Amino acid sequence: MADKITYYAIIDDSSSREHPAGVFRRIEYEKGKLDEVFTRDLRWAPSPLLRTAEHGDLTNDFVEITEEEAAQIVEGIRAKSGEE
């Protein structure tokens, strides 16, 4: 079981906190971390994005958000997927 889950809005040059490029979560366990992004395949998948940002990659900003905000972003991605 996870000890802590932190959610982030992914912000790039063409997005904002209100309309983020995506959503990311970091799950912390006693023995390590798992970083995941919610994909266009409508699933959570492992991703190195946050770790690369922590090491100086400035392509994306990661803004901490609540679990409720993350759920809204996920629902928006699902809704967009249904339109395509």
Protein backbone atom coordinates (compact mmCIF):
# COMPACT_ATOMS: atom_id res chain seq x y z
CA MET A 1 0.00 0.00 0.00
CA ALA A 2 1.18 3.51 -0.80
CA ASP A 3 2.45 5.71 1.98
CA LYS A 4 1.77 8.94 0.05
CA ILE A 5 0.45 9.95 -3.37
CA THR A 6 1.20 13.41 -4.75
CA TYR A 7 -0.52 14.68 -7.90
CA TYR A 8 0.80 17.26 -10.34
CA ALA A 9 -0.61 19.21 -13.27
CA ILE A 10 1.84 19.13 -16.19
CA ILE A 11 2.28 22.62 -17.61
CA ASP A 12 4.14 23.37 -20.85
CA ASP A 13 4.39 26.39 -23.15
CA SER A 14 0.90 25.82 -24.58
CA SER A 15 -0.98 25.01 -21.37
CA SER A 16 -1.83 26.42 -17.94
CA ARG A 17 -2.84 25.20 -14.50
CA GLU A 18 -6.48 25.67 -15.51
CA HIS A 19 -5.92 23.73 -18.74
CA PRO A 20 -2.85 21.52 -18.15
CA ALA A 21 -1.10 19.40 -20.73
CA GLY A 22 -1.62 16.36 -18.51
CA VAL A 23 -1.62 14.89 -15.03
CA PHE A 24 1.13 13.09 -13.16
CA ARG A 25 1.34 11.27 -9.87
CA ARG A 26 4.17 10.19 -7.60
CA ILE A 27 3.40 7.21 -5.39
CA GLU A 28 5.74 6.82 -2.45
CA TYR A 29 6.25 3.48 -0.79
CA GLU A 30 8.45 2.53 2.12
CA LYS A 31 11.02 1.14 -0.34
CA GLY A 32 10.86 3.69 -3.16
CA LYS A 33 8.81 5.80 -5.55
CA LEU A 34 6.72 5.13 -8.63
CA ASP A 35 6.13 8.02 -11.04
CA GLU A 36 3.21 7.75 -13.47
CA VAL A 37 1.50 9.89 -16.09
CA PHE A 38 -2.11 9.45 -17.22
CA THR A 39 -1.87 8.62 -20.92
CA ARG A 40 -4.06 9.06 -23.96
CA ASP A 41 -4.56 5.29 -23.70
CA LEU A 42 -6.60 6.16 -20.59
CA ARG A 43 -4.31 4.43 -18.13
CA TRP A 44 -1.58 5.31 -15.68
CA ALA A 45 1.87 4.42 -17.06
CA PRO A 46 5.39 4.76 -15.64
CA SER A 47 7.14 7.97 -16.67
CA PRO A 48 10.52 9.61 -16.05
CA LEU A 49 9.17 13.15 -16.61
CA LEU A 50 9.21 14.38 -13.01
CA ARG A 51 12.59 12.84 -12.29
CA THR A 52 14.09 14.54 -15.37
CA ALA A 53 12.55 17.86 -14.27
CA GLU A 54 14.13 17.43 -10.84
CA HIS A 55 17.46 17.02 -12.62
CA GLY A 56 17.18 20.22 -14.66
CA ASP A 57 14.91 19.48 -17.66
CA LEU A 58 12.77 22.62 -17.91
CA THR A 59 10.47 21.42 -20.71
CA ASN A 60 7.51 21.01 -18.33
CA ASP A 61 6.51 22.53 -15.02
CA PHE A 62 4.90 20.31 -12.41
CA VAL A 63 2.40 22.10 -10.18
CA GLU A 64 1.19 20.15 -7.16
CA ILE A 65 -2.60 19.72 -7.19
CA THR A 66 -5.19 17.94 -5.07
CA GLU A 67 -6.49 14.44 -5.74
CA GLU A 68 -9.82 16.01 -6.72
CA GLU A 69 -8.14 18.30 -9.28
CA ALA A 70 -6.26 15.30 -10.68
CA ALA A 71 -9.53 13.38 -11.03
CA GLN A 72 -11.04 16.31 -12.96
CA ILE A 73 -8.08 16.36 -15.35
CA VAL A 74 -8.33 12.59 -15.85
CA GLU A 75 -12.06 12.94 -16.60
CA GLY A 76 -11.28 15.71 -19.11
CA ILE A 77 -8.75 13.47 -20.87
CA ARG A 78 -11.31 10.64 -20.96
CA ALA A 79 -13.97 12.97 -22.36
CA LYS A 80 -11.60 14.26 -25.07
CA SER A 81 -10.70 10.69 -25.98
CA GLY A 82 -14.37 9.91 -26.53
CA GLU A 83 -14.64 12.86 -28.93
CA GLU A 84 -11.76 11.72 -31.12
